[in-house]
């Protein structure tokens, strides 16, 4: 995966033309060591044992008798996870990859615990977001693990360059949406199926039409990750829904994460309840 992998050496971070080209061609780029060990430890400490945060978690049936816990919020806030979402290395990078001003669409902590974590069916994020009135697929996400992600504990899998297929029809799979499996199987015959193994602090920046999935976690190791989703200002949704329409976002310097002394706060973050999710037209209760 030489053309899709890039490295942060701990110095000043810069998005290169090679990164932009890889993102446009392949639908994703991996940045190794985007967060250093001290930054990862700070983020991990902020969310572990935070009972207020975990009380907002919900789960979806994966269609195979397993569930994974998710906490999702719409506004980044000024706490540690807010600094993570708004820092230049995260928000600024996505802004350059999408070639225009972006705003925070949502953040989520996805918790696949050992032996119990459920799968996520093959899908495109735009398979959900299309239903929210986002007219163009000018959106992307940043996948940042706070635990190592390997094939053993269900790392993310992607079909390289599948974003060029355009939006595929999605159907209900358990309490999730999944891409039309006939299309997915045909795409697998033509596109590289990649297991994206990552170390805590690595980051995957990916296009909203990239097909991706993850298996159930049968291992003895949990897999917790942050995913921050961004939308372009020019793609302001035409439907009021459970995620924000354009809301200006103030980016912060990379130093803000370690400088932040505000513990995780529920204030102003706009946590989502599963019953409010209109991305799935048949309501999940």
Protein backbone atom coordinates (compact mmCIF):
# COMPACT_ATOMS: atom_id res chain seq x y z
CA UNK A 1 0.00 0.00 0.00
CA UNK A 2 2.94 2.29 -0.64
CA UNK A 3 0.93 4.87 -2.57
CA UNK A 4 -1.71 5.25 0.15
CA UNK A 5 0.55 5.31 3.24
CA UNK A 6 2.12 8.47 4.61
CA UNK A 7 4.01 9.19 7.81
CA UNK A 8 3.99 11.95 10.39
CA UNK A 9 7.49 12.29 11.81
CA UNK A 10 6.42 14.46 14.73
CA UNK A 11 7.41 17.74 13.10
CA UNK A 12 5.28 20.25 11.27
CA UNK A 13 2.51 18.48 9.35
CA UNK A 14 1.82 19.25 5.72
CA UNK A 15 -0.65 17.74 3.25
CA UNK A 16 1.28 16.94 0.08
CA UNK A 17 0.15 16.72 -3.52
CA UNK A 18 0.92 12.99 -3.35
CA UNK A 19 -1.59 12.65 -0.50
CA UNK A 20 -4.26 14.49 -2.44
CA UNK A 21 -3.62 12.35 -5.51
CA UNK A 22 -3.82 9.13 -3.49
CA UNK A 23 -7.05 10.22 -1.82
CA UNK A 24 -8.65 11.09 -5.15
CA UNK A 25 -7.45 7.91 -6.87
CA UNK A 26 -7.84 5.36 -4.07
CA UNK A 27 -10.54 6.88 -1.88
CA UNK A 28 -8.38 6.90 1.25
CA UNK A 29 -4.99 7.65 2.73
CA UNK A 30 -3.36 6.25 5.85
CA UNK A 31 -1.22 8.53 7.98
CA UNK A 32 0.98 6.59 10.37
CA UNK A 33 1.64 8.23 13.74
CA UNK A 34 -0.74 11.14 13.14
CA UNK A 35 -1.06 11.26 16.93
CA UNK A 36 1.97 10.54 19.08
CA UNK A 37 1.86 8.24 22.10
CA UNK A 38 1.32 11.10 24.55
CA UNK A 39 -1.63 12.42 22.53
CA UNK A 40 -3.17 8.96 22.24
CA UNK A 41 -2.81 8.42 25.99
CA UNK A 42 -4.54 11.73 26.71
CA UNK A 43 -7.48 10.92 24.45
CA UNK A 44 -7.76 7.39 25.83
CA UNK A 45 -7.77 8.66 29.41
CA UNK A 46 -10.47 11.20 28.54
CA UNK A 47 -12.96 8.55 27.47
CA UNK A 48 -12.13 5.50 29.56
CA UNK A 49 -14.22 5.31 32.68
CA UNK A 50 -16.22 8.41 31.76
CA UNK A 51 -19.62 7.23 32.95
CA UNK A 52 -21.45 10.34 31.71
CA UNK A 53 -20.13 9.79 28.19
CA UNK A 54 -20.81 6.06 28.22
CA UNK A 55 -24.36 6.64 29.45
CA UNK A 56 -25.10 8.13 26.01
CA UNK A 57 -24.03 4.96 24.17
CA UNK A 58 -26.39 2.97 21.98
CA UNK A 59 -25.96 -0.12 19.84
CA UNK A 60 -27.31 -1.63 16.63
CA UNK A 61 -27.99 -5.27 15.88
CA UNK A 62 -25.55 -6.44 13.20
CA UNK A 63 -27.89 -9.07 11.75
CA UNK A 64 -25.66 -11.81 13.22
CA UNK A 65 -26.72 -11.61 16.88
CA UNK A 66 -23.99 -9.21 17.95
CA UNK A 67 -23.92 -5.51 18.81
CA UNK A 68 -21.25 -2.80 19.09
CA UNK A 69 -21.60 0.26 21.31
CA UNK A 70 -21.43 3.76 19.86
CA UNK A 71 -21.50 7.23 21.39
CA UNK A 72 -22.19 9.92 18.77
CA UNK A 73 -22.23 13.70 19.11
CA UNK A 74 -22.90 16.46 16.58
CA UNK A 75 -20.79 19.36 17.83
CA UNK A 76 -17.12 19.05 18.77
CA UNK A 77 -17.08 21.23 21.88
CA UNK A 78 -14.03 22.56 23.68
CA UNK A 79 -12.95 19.47 25.56
CA UNK A 80 -10.26 16.95 24.65
CA UNK A 81 -12.24 15.11 21.98
CA UNK A 82 -13.29 18.49 20.60
CA UNK A 83 -9.66 19.50 20.23
CA UNK A 84 -8.97 16.19 18.48
CA UNK A 85 -11.69 16.85 15.90
CA UNK A 86 -10.78 20.50 15.33
CA UNK A 87 -6.98 20.27 15.26
CA UNK A 88 -5.20 21.12 12.02
CA UNK A 89 -3.79 17.61 11.61
CA UNK A 90 -7.36 16.26 11.51
CA UNK A 91 -9.80 18.95 10.32
CA UNK A 92 -7.21 20.86 8.33
CA UNK A 93 -6.09 17.73 6.51
CA UNK A 94 -9.65 16.80 5.56
CA UNK A 95 -10.27 20.35 4.40
CA UNK A 96 -7.38 20.06 1.96
CA UNK A 97 -8.35 16.58 0.79
CA UNK A 98 -11.92 17.76 0.10
CA UNK A 99 -10.63 21.03 -1.38
CA UNK A 100 -12.83 23.47 0.48
CA UNK A 101 -14.10 24.65 3.85
CA UNK A 102 -15.52 21.83 5.96
CA UNK A 103 -17.61 21.70 9.10
CA UNK A 104 -17.99 19.08 11.81
CA UNK A 105 -20.80 16.70 10.82
CA UNK A 106 -20.39 14.39 13.80
CA UNK A 107 -17.90 12.49 15.93
CA UNK A 108 -18.33 9.06 17.42
CA UNK A 109 -16.54 6.69 19.73
CA UNK A 110 -17.04 3.15 18.43
CA UNK A 111 -16.50 0.48 21.06
CA UNK A 112 -16.01 -3.08 19.83
CA UNK A 113 -15.33 -4.92 23.03
CA UNK A 114 -13.47 -8.21 23.29
CA UNK A 115 -15.46 -11.35 22.40
CA UNK A 116 -18.70 -9.38 21.92
CA UNK A 117 -18.27 -6.55 19.41
CA UNK A 118 -20.55 -6.78 16.37
CA UNK A 119 -19.72 -6.44 12.70
CA UNK A 120 -20.50 -3.56 10.39
CA UNK A 121 -21.81 -4.65 7.00
CA UNK A 122 -20.24 -3.48 3.75
CA UNK A 123 -21.50 0.06 3.29
CA UNK A 124 -20.71 3.57 2.16
CA UNK A 125 -21.16 6.39 4.64
CA UNK A 126 -22.95 8.28 1.88
CA UNK A 127 -25.42 5.40 1.82
CA UNK A 128 -26.65 6.88 5.10
CA UNK A 129 -25.93 10.55 4.50
CA UNK A 130 -27.69 10.68 1.12
CA UNK A 131 -30.92 10.18 3.08
CA UNK A 132 -30.09 13.24 5.18
CA UNK A 133 -30.31 15.64 2.24
CA UNK A 134 -26.59 15.87 1.50
CA UNK A 135 -26.78 16.46 -2.25
CA UNK A 136 -23.16 15.74 -3.16
CA UNK A 137 -20.70 13.13 -1.86
CA UNK A 138 -18.38 15.94 -0.75
CA UNK A 139 -17.86 14.40 2.66
CA UNK A 140 -15.22 12.34 4.39
CA UNK A 141 -14.26 10.73 7.68
CA UNK A 142 -11.16 10.33 9.80
CA UNK A 143 -10.78 6.95 11.54
CA UNK A 144 -8.39 7.21 14.52
CA UNK A 145 -7.90 4.12 16.70
CA UNK A 146 -7.00 4.43 20.37
CA UNK A 147 -6.36 0.67 20.40
CA UNK A 148 -4.26 -1.23 17.88
CA UNK A 149 -6.47 -2.55 15.06
CA UNK A 150 -5.50 -5.89 13.52
CA UNK A 151 -7.27 -8.59 11.58
CA UNK A 152 -7.60 -10.46 14.87
CA UNK A 153 -9.72 -7.79 16.58
CA UNK A 154 -11.61 -6.73 13.44
CA UNK A 155 -9.70 -3.93 11.75
CA UNK A 156 -11.43 -1.94 9.05
CA UNK A 157 -11.57 -3.44 5.56
CA UNK A 158 -11.90 -1.34 2.41
CA UNK A 159 -12.28 -1.85 -1.33
CA UNK A 160 -9.63 0.36 -2.84
CA UNK A 161 -10.96 2.94 -5.34
CA UNK A 162 -14.56 1.83 -4.77
CA UNK A 163 -15.60 5.47 -4.33
CA UNK A 164 -15.47 5.72 -8.13
CA UNK A 165 -18.49 3.39 -8.30
CA UNK A 166 -20.73 6.17 -7.04
CA UNK A 167 -23.43 5.63 -4.46
CA UNK A 168 -24.69 2.04 -4.31
CA UNK A 169 -28.21 1.22 -3.17
CA UNK A 170 -28.39 0.30 0.53
CA UNK A 171 -30.84 -1.98 2.33
CA UNK A 172 -31.55 -2.89 5.94
CA UNK A 173 -29.16 -5.42 7.53
CA UNK A 174 -30.24 -5.95 11.12
CA UNK A 175 -30.41 -2.40 12.45
CA UNK A 176 -27.78 -1.14 9.99
CA UNK A 177 -27.74 -0.18 6.34
CA UNK A 178 -25.69 -2.35 4.02
CA UNK A 179 -24.70 -1.90 0.39
CA UNK A 180 -26.32 -4.14 -2.24
CA UNK A 181 -24.30 -7.35 -1.80
CA UNK A 182 -24.52 -8.31 -5.46
CA UNK A 183 -22.77 -5.06 -6.33
CA UNK A 184 -20.23 -5.54 -3.55
CA UNK A 185 -19.36 -9.05 -4.73
CA UNK A 186 -18.90 -7.82 -8.29
CA UNK A 187 -16.74 -4.94 -7.06
CA UNK A 188 -14.51 -7.40 -5.18
CA UNK A 189 -13.63 -9.04 -8.50
CA UNK A 190 -12.13 -5.80 -9.78
CA UNK A 191 -10.87 -3.91 -6.73
CA UNK A 192 -8.26 -4.65 -4.08
CA UNK A 193 -9.74 -5.84 -0.78
CA UNK A 194 -7.49 -4.35 1.91
CA UNK A 195 -7.38 -5.08 5.64
CA UNK A 196 -6.32 -1.75 7.14
CA UNK A 197 -4.24 -2.74 10.15
CA UNK A 198 -3.37 0.26 12.29
CA UNK A 199 -1.50 1.18 15.44
CA UNK A 200 -3.16 3.45 18.00
CA UNK A 201 -2.59 7.01 16.78
CA UNK A 202 -2.57 6.17 13.08
CA UNK A 203 -5.34 7.76 11.01
CA UNK A 204 -7.33 6.74 7.96
CA UNK A 205 -8.85 9.59 5.94
CA UNK A 206 -11.51 8.19 3.62
CA UNK A 207 -14.10 9.29 1.06
CA UNK A 208 -17.79 8.94 1.91
CA UNK A 209 -18.38 6.57 -1.04
CA UNK A 210 -15.54 4.19 -0.14
CA UNK A 211 -16.95 0.72 0.54
CA UNK A 212 -15.83 -0.52 3.96
CA UNK A 213 -16.71 -3.12 6.55
CA UNK A 214 -15.44 -4.73 9.76
CA UNK A 215 -16.00 -8.18 11.22
CA UNK A 216 -17.22 -9.22 14.64
CA UNK A 217 -14.55 -9.08 17.33
CA UNK A 218 -13.96 -12.64 18.51
CA UNK A 219 -10.58 -11.80 20.03
CA UNK A 220 -9.57 -11.10 23.62
CA UNK A 221 -8.66 -7.49 22.72
CA UNK A 222 -11.11 -4.63 22.48
CA UNK A 223 -11.12 -2.25 19.49
CA UNK A 224 -12.05 1.34 20.31
CA UNK A 225 -11.79 4.03 17.65
CA UNK A 226 -12.77 7.64 17.06
CA UNK A 227 -14.38 8.55 13.77
CA UNK A 228 -14.79 12.23 12.91
CA UNK A 229 -17.03 13.02 9.93
CA UNK A 230 -16.83 16.25 7.96
CA UNK A 231 -19.06 17.85 5.33
CA UNK A 232 -18.16 20.67 2.96
CA UNK A 233 -19.79 24.02 3.56
CA UNK A 234 -20.88 24.06 -0.09
CA UNK A 235 -22.78 20.78 0.49
CA UNK A 236 -25.10 22.15 3.16
CA UNK A 237 -27.94 19.59 3.56
CA UNK A 238 -31.33 20.66 2.24
CA UNK A 239 -33.14 18.65 4.95
CA UNK A 240 -33.11 19.46 8.65
CA UNK A 241 -32.14 16.19 10.30
CA UNK A 242 -30.35 14.60 13.25
CA UNK A 243 -26.90 15.92 12.24
CA UNK A 244 -25.97 19.60 11.80
CA UNK A 245 -26.47 21.70 8.74
CA UNK A 246 -23.58 24.07 8.08
CA UNK A 247 -22.15 25.26 11.37
CA UNK A 248 -18.88 27.24 11.27
CA UNK A 249 -16.01 25.34 12.85
CA UNK A 250 -13.00 27.02 14.41
CA UNK A 251 -9.92 24.92 13.77
CA UNK A 252 -7.24 24.86 16.46
CA UNK A 253 -3.48 24.40 16.29
CA UNK A 254 -2.13 20.90 16.81
CA UNK A 255 -0.74 21.93 20.19
CA UNK A 256 -4.30 22.47 21.50
CA UNK A 257 -4.84 18.76 22.18
CA UNK A 258 -2.09 18.43 24.77
CA UNK A 259 -2.74 21.93 26.13
CA UNK A 260 -6.45 21.25 26.73
CA UNK A 261 -7.27 20.86 30.43
CA UNK A 262 -11.04 20.60 30.03
CA UNK A 263 -12.28 17.12 30.82
CA UNK A 264 -14.93 15.51 28.66
CA UNK A 265 -18.17 17.45 28.93
CA UNK A 266 -21.68 16.69 27.70
CA UNK A 267 -22.37 20.41 27.42
CA UNK A 268 -23.34 21.58 23.94
CA UNK A 269 -22.18 18.44 22.11
CA UNK A 270 -25.62 17.34 20.92
CA UNK A 271 -25.55 13.61 21.58
CA UNK A 272 -27.66 11.52 19.21
CA UNK A 273 -30.26 8.98 20.24
CA UNK A 274 -30.80 5.99 18.00
CA UNK A 275 -34.52 6.72 17.61
CA UNK A 276 -33.67 10.07 16.02
CA UNK A 277 -31.66 8.54 13.16
CA UNK A 278 -33.60 9.26 9.96
CA UNK A 279 -30.77 7.87 7.81
CA UNK A 280 -32.55 4.53 8.14
CA UNK A 281 -36.01 5.15 6.81
CA UNK A 282 -37.58 2.22 8.65
CA UNK A 283 -37.19 3.52 12.17
CA UNK A 284 -35.15 1.48 14.62
CA UNK A 285 -36.61 1.34 18.13
